[in-house]
């Protein structure tokens, strides 16, 4: 498991990315947390970014929660504020439900609809797979026609996801092996890894952060999730789509810091 550390000392804040992204997603948020006196730890989920991707690995939400528990042990972190975006929000939820002692506070950024897992973003990816010719998928840049539509749909304005940025997000999935890994990850996202009754037992204070222009998370869906988790509330970020760490990093960092301080 690859972990990017920003800063030393203070309370740790663990950052989890979503589908099709990596620790790179937190490059603007994590330094702000470190400058505020925290240790920010951005984790590449298993099979993503620079973390290992064995052919027989388990990449579902439940497995990712268990891997993350081991990351805490390896880093000698008893507990932390955990912030997850998109798929990372599901992993954070799983960790809080199955290993409650690990999570002091929980920040769910653009969480998927629990009633529609694997979610509309995954369905968009699957549609891209069907549309892209097989010869394209097998090329060195085979992930491009699969991930580009997902990344572009995850921001409010097209200029927030220029070609160079798309290429950087695609980098871990270059080549045929990368495309096959993407397919494996998507197939691993299963609704049965999260149970609503388990989520009702989460004791960590929870902040749900949703972009006002997130095409997949409306206010009703966010508030429904807040109604499931006992001590939770919803905050909307103006002008942002799904990838809030990309479009509004300063505002998100401030929200995390204020919430970590109990404000």
C-alpha atoms as a PDB file:
ATOM      1  CA  UNK A   1       0.000   0.000   0.000  1.00  0.00           C
ATOM      2  CA  UNK A   2       1.474   3.331  -1.072  1.00  0.00           C
ATOM      3  CA  UNK A   3       1.055   6.226   1.361  1.00  0.00           C
ATOM      4  CA  UNK A   4       2.087   9.838   0.695  1.00  0.00           C
ATOM      5  CA  UNK A   5       2.880  11.669   3.931  1.00  0.00           C
ATOM      6  CA  UNK A   6       2.542  15.428   4.325  1.00  0.00           C
ATOM      7  CA  UNK A   7       3.868  16.924   7.562  1.00  0.00           C
ATOM      8  CA  UNK A   8       4.734  15.438  10.925  1.00  0.00           C
ATOM      9  CA  UNK A   9       3.051  15.814  14.288  1.00  0.00           C
ATOM     10  CA  UNK A  10      -0.437  16.798  15.268  1.00  0.00           C
ATOM     11  CA  UNK A  11      -3.510  14.662  14.813  1.00  0.00           C
ATOM     12  CA  UNK A  12      -3.349  12.416  11.721  1.00  0.00           C
ATOM     13  CA  UNK A  13      -5.819  12.863   8.867  1.00  0.00           C
ATOM     14  CA  UNK A  14      -6.087   9.958   6.399  1.00  0.00           C
ATOM     15  CA  UNK A  15      -7.210  10.781   2.846  1.00  0.00           C
ATOM     16  CA  UNK A  16      -8.786   8.237   0.471  1.00  0.00           C
ATOM     17  CA  UNK A  17      -9.329   8.823  -3.243  1.00  0.00           C
ATOM     18  CA  UNK A  18     -12.084   7.468  -5.493  1.00  0.00           C
ATOM     19  CA  UNK A  19     -12.561   5.467  -8.683  1.00  0.00           C
ATOM     20  CA  UNK A  20     -10.097   6.293 -11.449  1.00  0.00           C
ATOM     21  CA  UNK A  21      -7.966   8.564  -9.264  1.00  0.00           C
ATOM     22  CA  UNK A  22      -5.141   8.176  -6.722  1.00  0.00           C
ATOM     23  CA  UNK A  23      -3.268  10.081  -4.008  1.00  0.00           C
ATOM     24  CA  UNK A  24      -2.689  12.705  -6.715  1.00  0.00           C
ATOM     25  CA  UNK A  25      -6.269  13.857  -6.067  1.00  0.00           C
ATOM     26  CA  UNK A  26      -5.210  15.243  -2.662  1.00  0.00           C
ATOM     27  CA  UNK A  27      -2.105  17.149  -3.857  1.00  0.00           C
ATOM     28  CA  UNK A  28      -3.659  20.556  -3.035  1.00  0.00           C
ATOM     29  CA  UNK A  29      -5.580  19.571   0.111  1.00  0.00           C
ATOM     30  CA  UNK A  30      -2.919  17.569   1.975  1.00  0.00           C
ATOM     31  CA  UNK A  31      -0.268  20.346   2.141  1.00  0.00           C
ATOM     32  CA  UNK A  32      -2.848  22.728   3.647  1.00  0.00           C
ATOM     33  CA  UNK A  33      -3.622  20.179   6.366  1.00  0.00           C
ATOM     34  CA  UNK A  34       0.102  19.775   7.064  1.00  0.00           C
ATOM     35  CA  UNK A  35       0.633  23.539   7.232  1.00  0.00           C
ATOM     36  CA  UNK A  36      -2.128  23.661   9.857  1.00  0.00           C
ATOM     37  CA  UNK A  37      -0.088  21.310  12.056  1.00  0.00           C
ATOM     38  CA  UNK A  38      -1.495  17.919  11.105  1.00  0.00           C
ATOM     39  CA  UNK A  39       0.021  14.810   9.567  1.00  0.00           C
ATOM     40  CA  UNK A  40      -1.875  14.207   6.325  1.00  0.00           C
ATOM     41  CA  UNK A  41      -1.616  10.676   4.915  1.00  0.00           C
ATOM     42  CA  UNK A  42      -2.950  10.158   1.390  1.00  0.00           C
ATOM     43  CA  UNK A  43      -3.396   6.449   0.666  1.00  0.00           C
ATOM     44  CA  UNK A  44      -3.494   4.713  -2.704  1.00  0.00           C
ATOM     45  CA  UNK A  45      -6.212   2.099  -2.303  1.00  0.00           C
ATOM     46  CA  UNK A  46      -5.079  -1.444  -3.089  1.00  0.00           C
ATOM     47  CA  UNK A  47      -4.860  -1.879  -6.856  1.00  0.00           C
ATOM     48  CA  UNK A  48      -4.749   1.876  -7.464  1.00  0.00           C
ATOM     49  CA  UNK A  49      -1.978   4.398  -8.013  1.00  0.00           C
ATOM     50  CA  UNK A  50       1.368   3.094  -6.745  1.00  0.00           C
ATOM     51  CA  UNK A  51      -0.084   0.382  -4.501  1.00  0.00           C
ATOM     52  CA  UNK A  52       0.334  -3.256  -5.497  1.00  0.00           C
ATOM     53  CA  UNK A  53      -2.163  -4.937  -7.827  1.00  0.00           C
ATOM     54  CA  UNK A  54      -1.688  -8.726  -7.699  1.00  0.00           C
ATOM     55  CA  UNK A  55      -3.759 -10.628 -10.230  1.00  0.00           C
ATOM     56  CA  UNK A  56      -5.514 -12.589  -7.481  1.00  0.00           C
ATOM     57  CA  UNK A  57      -6.017  -9.615  -5.141  1.00  0.00           C
ATOM     58  CA  UNK A  58      -9.279  -8.567  -3.505  1.00  0.00           C
ATOM     59  CA  UNK A  59     -10.282  -5.002  -4.376  1.00  0.00           C
ATOM     60  CA  UNK A  60     -13.811  -4.669  -3.004  1.00  0.00           C
ATOM     61  CA  UNK A  61     -14.905  -2.136  -0.382  1.00  0.00           C
ATOM     62  CA  UNK A  62     -14.801  -4.663   2.479  1.00  0.00           C
ATOM     63  CA  UNK A  63     -11.279  -5.794   1.582  1.00  0.00           C
ATOM     64  CA  UNK A  64     -10.103  -2.180   1.234  1.00  0.00           C
ATOM     65  CA  UNK A  65     -11.401  -1.447   4.738  1.00  0.00           C
ATOM     66  CA  UNK A  66      -9.363  -4.325   6.140  1.00  0.00           C
ATOM     67  CA  UNK A  67      -6.248  -3.246   4.216  1.00  0.00           C
ATOM     68  CA  UNK A  68      -6.651   0.252   5.604  1.00  0.00           C
ATOM     69  CA  UNK A  69      -6.814  -1.124   9.140  1.00  0.00           C
ATOM     70  CA  UNK A  70      -3.432  -2.748   8.475  1.00  0.00           C
ATOM     71  CA  UNK A  71      -2.068   0.538   7.128  1.00  0.00           C
ATOM     72  CA  UNK A  72      -2.936   2.149  10.470  1.00  0.00           C
ATOM     73  CA  UNK A  73      -1.049  -0.633  12.241  1.00  0.00           C
ATOM     74  CA  UNK A  74       1.990  -0.327   9.964  1.00  0.00           C
ATOM     75  CA  UNK A  75       2.127   3.446  10.443  1.00  0.00           C
ATOM     76  CA  UNK A  76       1.553   3.086  14.191  1.00  0.00           C
ATOM     77  CA  UNK A  77      -1.546   5.276  14.081  1.00  0.00           C
ATOM     78  CA  UNK A  78      -4.146   4.209  16.657  1.00  0.00           C
ATOM     79  CA  UNK A  79      -6.893   6.326  15.085  1.00  0.00           C
ATOM     80  CA  UNK A  80      -7.423   9.319  12.804  1.00  0.00           C
ATOM     81  CA  UNK A  81      -9.877  11.584  11.087  1.00  0.00           C
ATOM     82  CA  UNK A  82     -10.636   9.738   7.844  1.00  0.00           C
ATOM     83  CA  UNK A  83     -11.743  11.596   4.718  1.00  0.00           C
ATOM     84  CA  UNK A  84     -12.797   9.635   1.643  1.00  0.00           C
ATOM     85  CA  UNK A  85     -13.944  10.843  -1.775  1.00  0.00           C
ATOM     86  CA  UNK A  86     -16.352   8.855  -3.976  1.00  0.00           C
ATOM     87  CA  UNK A  87     -15.250   5.188  -3.713  1.00  0.00           C
ATOM     88  CA  UNK A  88     -12.953   6.273  -0.889  1.00  0.00           C
ATOM     89  CA  UNK A  89     -16.030   7.452   1.020  1.00  0.00           C
ATOM     90  CA  UNK A  90     -17.452   3.919   0.860  1.00  0.00           C
ATOM     91  CA  UNK A  91     -14.154   2.505   2.146  1.00  0.00           C
ATOM     92  CA  UNK A  92     -14.151   5.082   4.956  1.00  0.00           C
ATOM     93  CA  UNK A  93     -17.695   4.056   5.875  1.00  0.00           C
ATOM     94  CA  UNK A  94     -16.692   0.410   5.914  1.00  0.00           C
ATOM     95  CA  UNK A  95     -13.685   1.146   8.121  1.00  0.00           C
ATOM     96  CA  UNK A  96     -15.832   3.147  10.563  1.00  0.00           C
ATOM     97  CA  UNK A  97     -18.381   0.328  10.767  1.00  0.00           C
ATOM     98  CA  UNK A  98     -15.979  -2.639  11.000  1.00  0.00           C
ATOM     99  CA  UNK A  99     -13.075  -1.002  12.877  1.00  0.00           C
ATOM    100  CA  UNK A 100     -14.741   1.827  14.841  1.00  0.00           C
ATOM    101  CA  UNK A 101     -11.712   2.352  17.067  1.00  0.00           C
ATOM    102  CA  UNK A 102      -9.744   3.555  14.023  1.00  0.00           C
ATOM    103  CA  UNK A 103     -12.009   6.495  13.144  1.00  0.00           C
ATOM    104  CA  UNK A 104     -12.219   9.590  15.337  1.00  0.00           C
ATOM    105  CA  UNK A 105     -14.107  11.658  12.787  1.00  0.00           C
ATOM    106  CA  UNK A 106     -15.439  10.798   9.350  1.00  0.00           C
ATOM    107  CA  UNK A 107     -15.560  13.069   6.289  1.00  0.00           C
ATOM    108  CA  UNK A 108     -17.485  11.702   3.306  1.00  0.00           C
ATOM    109  CA  UNK A 109     -16.774  13.702   0.152  1.00  0.00           C
ATOM    110  CA  UNK A 110     -19.198  13.051  -2.714  1.00  0.00           C
ATOM    111  CA  UNK A 111     -20.282   9.639  -1.369  1.00  0.00           C
ATOM    112  CA  UNK A 112     -22.172   7.374  -3.800  1.00  0.00           C
ATOM    113  CA  UNK A 113     -25.874   6.717  -3.301  1.00  0.00           C
ATOM    114  CA  UNK A 114     -26.090   3.717  -0.960  1.00  0.00           C
ATOM    115  CA  UNK A 115     -29.297   2.627  -2.684  1.00  0.00           C
ATOM    116  CA  UNK A 116     -27.552   2.525  -6.054  1.00  0.00           C
ATOM    117  CA  UNK A 117     -24.145   0.910  -5.466  1.00  0.00           C
ATOM    118  CA  UNK A 118     -21.952   0.539  -7.510  1.00  0.00           C
ATOM    119  CA  UNK A 119     -23.297   3.957  -8.570  1.00  0.00           C
ATOM    120  CA  UNK A 120     -23.916   6.080 -11.624  1.00  0.00           C
ATOM    121  CA  UNK A 121     -20.236   6.865 -12.117  1.00  0.00           C
ATOM    122  CA  UNK A 122     -19.464   3.156 -12.381  1.00  0.00           C
ATOM    123  CA  UNK A 123     -22.347   2.767 -14.830  1.00  0.00           C
ATOM    124  CA  UNK A 124     -20.861   5.591 -16.910  1.00  0.00           C
ATOM    125  CA  UNK A 125     -17.552   3.710 -16.961  1.00  0.00           C
ATOM    126  CA  UNK A 126     -19.345   0.539 -18.053  1.00  0.00           C
ATOM    127  CA  UNK A 127     -21.064   2.403 -20.883  1.00  0.00           C
ATOM    128  CA  UNK A 128     -17.683   3.732 -21.999  1.00  0.00           C
ATOM    129  CA  UNK A 129     -16.367   0.152 -22.068  1.00  0.00           C
ATOM    130  CA  UNK A 130     -19.187  -0.907 -24.371  1.00  0.00           C
ATOM    131  CA  UNK A 131     -18.643   2.057 -26.692  1.00  0.00           C
ATOM    132  CA  UNK A 132     -14.849   1.873 -26.984  1.00  0.00           C
ATOM    133  CA  UNK A 133     -13.500  -0.498 -29.667  1.00  0.00           C
ATOM    134  CA  UNK A 134     -11.546  -3.444 -28.248  1.00  0.00           C
ATOM    135  CA  UNK A 135      -8.443  -2.403 -30.221  1.00  0.00           C
ATOM    136  CA  UNK A 136      -8.523   0.977 -28.443  1.00  0.00           C
ATOM    137  CA  UNK A 137      -8.770  -0.611 -25.016  1.00  0.00           C
ATOM    138  CA  UNK A 138      -5.768  -2.841 -25.712  1.00  0.00           C
ATOM    139  CA  UNK A 139      -3.439  -0.032 -26.772  1.00  0.00           C
ATOM    140  CA  UNK A 140      -0.883   1.730 -24.595  1.00  0.00           C
ATOM    141  CA  UNK A 141      -3.464   4.447 -23.855  1.00  0.00           C
ATOM    142  CA  UNK A 142      -6.350   2.013 -23.663  1.00  0.00           C
ATOM    143  CA  UNK A 143      -7.708   3.494 -20.439  1.00  0.00           C
ATOM    144  CA  UNK A 144      -8.261   6.891 -22.104  1.00  0.00           C
ATOM    145  CA  UNK A 145     -11.679   6.233 -23.705  1.00  0.00           C
ATOM    146  CA  UNK A 146     -12.798   4.509 -20.481  1.00  0.00           C
ATOM    147  CA  UNK A 147     -11.725   7.005 -17.825  1.00  0.00           C
ATOM    148  CA  UNK A 148     -11.869  10.307 -19.698  1.00  0.00           C
ATOM    149  CA  UNK A 149     -15.712  10.450 -19.760  1.00  0.00           C
ATOM    150  CA  UNK A 150     -15.805   9.634 -16.039  1.00  0.00           C
ATOM    151  CA  UNK A 151     -13.234  12.298 -15.128  1.00  0.00           C
ATOM    152  CA  UNK A 152     -14.865  14.949 -17.304  1.00  0.00           C
ATOM    153  CA  UNK A 153     -18.290  14.212 -15.827  1.00  0.00           C
ATOM    154  CA  UNK A 154     -16.859  14.507 -12.310  1.00  0.00           C
ATOM    155  CA  UNK A 155     -16.099  18.230 -12.550  1.00  0.00           C
ATOM    156  CA  UNK A 156     -18.509  21.133 -12.894  1.00  0.00           C
ATOM    157  CA  UNK A 157     -16.690  22.866 -15.764  1.00  0.00           C
ATOM    158  CA  UNK A 158     -14.801  21.213 -18.671  1.00  0.00           C
ATOM    159  CA  UNK A 159     -11.778  23.474 -18.178  1.00  0.00           C
ATOM    160  CA  UNK A 160     -11.282  21.935 -14.738  1.00  0.00           C
ATOM    161  CA  UNK A 161     -10.234  18.673 -16.445  1.00  0.00           C
ATOM    162  CA  UNK A 162      -7.860  19.601 -19.310  1.00  0.00           C
ATOM    163  CA  UNK A 163      -6.037  16.990 -21.369  1.00  0.00           C
ATOM    164  CA  UNK A 164      -2.843  17.203 -19.316  1.00  0.00           C
ATOM    165  CA  UNK A 165      -4.710  16.542 -16.088  1.00  0.00           C
ATOM    166  CA  UNK A 166      -6.613  13.630 -17.624  1.00  0.00           C
ATOM    167  CA  UNK A 167      -3.271  12.153 -18.695  1.00  0.00           C
ATOM    168  CA  UNK A 168      -1.901  12.438 -15.160  1.00  0.00           C
ATOM    169  CA  UNK A 169      -4.887  10.599 -13.684  1.00  0.00           C
ATOM    170  CA  UNK A 170      -4.580   7.958 -16.400  1.00  0.00           C
ATOM    171  CA  UNK A 171      -0.879   7.340 -15.727  1.00  0.00           C
ATOM    172  CA  UNK A 172      -1.318   4.416 -13.256  1.00  0.00           C
ATOM    173  CA  UNK A 173      -3.536   2.620 -15.771  1.00  0.00           C
ATOM    174  CA  UNK A 174      -1.372   2.858 -18.893  1.00  0.00           C
ATOM    175  CA  UNK A 175      -1.175  -0.277 -21.021  1.00  0.00           C
ATOM    176  CA  UNK A 176      -3.257  -3.403 -21.330  1.00  0.00           C
ATOM    177  CA  UNK A 177      -2.561  -4.456 -17.725  1.00  0.00           C
ATOM    178  CA  UNK A 178      -3.875  -1.111 -16.513  1.00  0.00           C
ATOM    179  CA  UNK A 179      -7.126  -1.506 -18.441  1.00  0.00           C
ATOM    180  CA  UNK A 180      -7.620  -5.017 -17.078  1.00  0.00           C
ATOM    181  CA  UNK A 181      -6.982  -3.695 -13.571  1.00  0.00           C
ATOM    182  CA  UNK A 182      -9.666  -1.039 -14.054  1.00  0.00           C
ATOM    183  CA  UNK A 183     -12.139  -3.724 -15.080  1.00  0.00           C
ATOM    184  CA  UNK A 184     -11.207  -5.780 -12.013  1.00  0.00           C
ATOM    185  CA  UNK A 185     -11.704  -2.819  -9.678  1.00  0.00           C
ATOM    186  CA  UNK A 186     -15.097  -1.955 -11.136  1.00  0.00           C
ATOM    187  CA  UNK A 187     -16.300  -5.563 -10.876  1.00  0.00           C
ATOM    188  CA  UNK A 188     -15.223  -5.598  -7.223  1.00  0.00           C
ATOM    189  CA  UNK A 189     -17.548  -2.757  -6.114  1.00  0.00           C
ATOM    190  CA  UNK A 190     -20.478  -4.618  -4.568  1.00  0.00           C
ATOM    191  CA  UNK A 191     -23.465  -3.403  -2.573  1.00  0.00           C
ATOM    192  CA  UNK A 192     -23.206  -6.352  -0.173  1.00  0.00           C
ATOM    193  CA  UNK A 193     -19.971  -4.921   1.258  1.00  0.00           C
ATOM    194  CA  UNK A 194     -21.993  -2.215   3.032  1.00  0.00           C
ATOM    195  CA  UNK A 195     -25.027  -2.864   5.203  1.00  0.00           C
ATOM    196  CA  UNK A 196     -27.275  -0.001   6.255  1.00  0.00           C
ATOM    197  CA  UNK A 197     -27.852  -1.473   9.702  1.00  0.00           C
ATOM    198  CA  UNK A 198     -24.087  -1.513  10.299  1.00  0.00           C
ATOM    199  CA  UNK A 199     -23.838   2.122   9.250  1.00  0.00           C
ATOM    200  CA  UNK A 200     -26.456   3.046  11.841  1.00  0.00           C
ATOM    201  CA  UNK A 201     -23.976   1.924  14.513  1.00  0.00           C
ATOM    202  CA  UNK A 202     -21.231   4.346  13.442  1.00  0.00           C
ATOM    203  CA  UNK A 203     -20.327   6.465  16.439  1.00  0.00           C
ATOM    204  CA  UNK A 204     -17.836   8.838  14.820  1.00  0.00           C
ATOM    205  CA  UNK A 205     -19.076  12.378  14.122  1.00  0.00           C
ATOM    206  CA  UNK A 206     -19.576  12.554  10.360  1.00  0.00           C
ATOM    207  CA  UNK A 207     -19.455  15.374   7.842  1.00  0.00           C
ATOM    208  CA  UNK A 208     -20.932  14.776   4.381  1.00  0.00           C
ATOM    209  CA  UNK A 209     -19.510  17.161   1.771  1.00  0.00           C
ATOM    210  CA  UNK A 210     -21.346  17.432  -1.539  1.00  0.00           C
ATOM    211  CA  UNK A 211     -20.692  19.620  -4.561  1.00  0.00           C
ATOM    212  CA  UNK A 212     -23.704  21.650  -5.626  1.00  0.00           C
ATOM    213  CA  UNK A 213     -23.021  20.632  -9.225  1.00  0.00           C
ATOM    214  CA  UNK A 214     -22.379  16.948  -8.565  1.00  0.00           C
ATOM    215  CA  UNK A 215     -24.488  15.251 -11.233  1.00  0.00           C
ATOM    216  CA  UNK A 216     -24.829  12.080  -9.130  1.00  0.00           C
ATOM    217  CA  UNK A 217     -25.325  13.341  -5.571  1.00  0.00           C
ATOM    218  CA  UNK A 218     -28.313  15.599  -5.036  1.00  0.00           C
ATOM    219  CA  UNK A 219     -29.226  17.167  -1.701  1.00  0.00           C
ATOM    220  CA  UNK A 220     -31.968  14.606  -1.048  1.00  0.00           C
ATOM    221  CA  UNK A 221     -29.534  11.695  -1.435  1.00  0.00           C
ATOM    222  CA  UNK A 222     -26.929  13.342   0.808  1.00  0.00           C
ATOM    223  CA  UNK A 223     -29.528  14.044   3.493  1.00  0.00           C
ATOM    224  CA  UNK A 224     -30.772  10.453   3.257  1.00  0.00           C
ATOM    225  CA  UNK A 225     -27.260   9.250   4.103  1.00  0.00           C
ATOM    226  CA  UNK A 226     -27.094  11.758   6.953  1.00  0.00           C
ATOM    227  CA  UNK A 227     -30.312  10.238   8.273  1.00  0.00           C
ATOM    228  CA  UNK A 228     -28.663   6.806   8.432  1.00  0.00           C
ATOM    229  CA  UNK A 229     -25.453   7.814  10.240  1.00  0.00           C
ATOM    230  CA  UNK A 230     -26.353   8.962  13.771  1.00  0.00           C
ATOM    231  CA  UNK A 231     -24.149  12.030  14.311  1.00  0.00           C
ATOM    232  CA  UNK A 232     -23.846  13.539  10.852  1.00  0.00           C
ATOM    233  CA  UNK A 233     -24.566  16.681   8.861  1.00  0.00           C
ATOM    234  CA  UNK A 234     -24.357  17.832   5.238  1.00  0.00           C
ATOM    235  CA  UNK A 235     -22.365  20.730   3.801  1.00  0.00           C
ATOM    236  CA  UNK A 236     -22.645  21.847   0.178  1.00  0.00           C
ATOM    237  CA  UNK A 237     -19.731  23.311  -1.799  1.00  0.00           C
ATOM    238  CA  UNK A 238     -20.824  25.919  -4.339  1.00  0.00           C
ATOM    239  CA  UNK A 239     -19.675  25.550  -7.924  1.00  0.00           C
ATOM    240  CA  UNK A 240     -18.088  22.128  -7.467  1.00  0.00           C
ATOM    241  CA  UNK A 241     -18.869  18.777  -9.054  1.00  0.00           C
ATOM    242  CA  UNK A 242     -17.899  15.370  -7.739  1.00  0.00           C
ATOM    243  CA  UNK A 243     -14.129  15.870  -7.513  1.00  0.00           C
ATOM    244  CA  UNK A 244     -14.219  18.540  -4.812  1.00  0.00           C
ATOM    245  CA  UNK A 245     -10.511  18.033  -3.903  1.00  0.00           C
ATOM    246  CA  UNK A 246      -9.739  18.977  -7.511  1.00  0.00           C
ATOM    247  CA  UNK A 247     -12.109  21.932  -7.906  1.00  0.00           C
ATOM    248  CA  UNK A 248     -12.292  23.424  -4.402  1.00  0.00           C
ATOM    249  CA  UNK A 249      -9.213  22.213  -2.479  1.00  0.00           C
ATOM    250  CA  UNK A 250      -8.886  25.255  -0.216  1.00  0.00           C
ATOM    251  CA  UNK A 251     -12.528  25.167   0.839  1.00  0.00           C
ATOM    252  CA  UNK A 252     -12.417  21.414   1.424  1.00  0.00           C
ATOM    253  CA  UNK A 253      -9.221  21.686   3.495  1.00  0.00           C
ATOM    254  CA  UNK A 254     -10.845  24.350   5.652  1.00  0.00           C
ATOM    255  CA  UNK A 255     -13.963  22.216   6.127  1.00  0.00           C
ATOM    256  CA  UNK A 256     -11.846  19.231   7.202  1.00  0.00           C
ATOM    257  CA  UNK A 257      -9.786  21.335   9.610  1.00  0.00           C
ATOM    258  CA  UNK A 258     -12.796  22.991  11.204  1.00  0.00           C
ATOM    259  CA  UNK A 259     -14.554  19.661  11.558  1.00  0.00           C
ATOM    260  CA  UNK A 260     -11.474  17.990  13.019  1.00  0.00           C
ATOM    261  CA  UNK A 261     -11.387  20.735  15.623  1.00  0.00           C
ATOM    262  CA  UNK A 262     -15.041  20.124  16.486  1.00  0.00           C
ATOM    263  CA  UNK A 263     -16.369  23.267  14.856  1.00  0.00           C
END
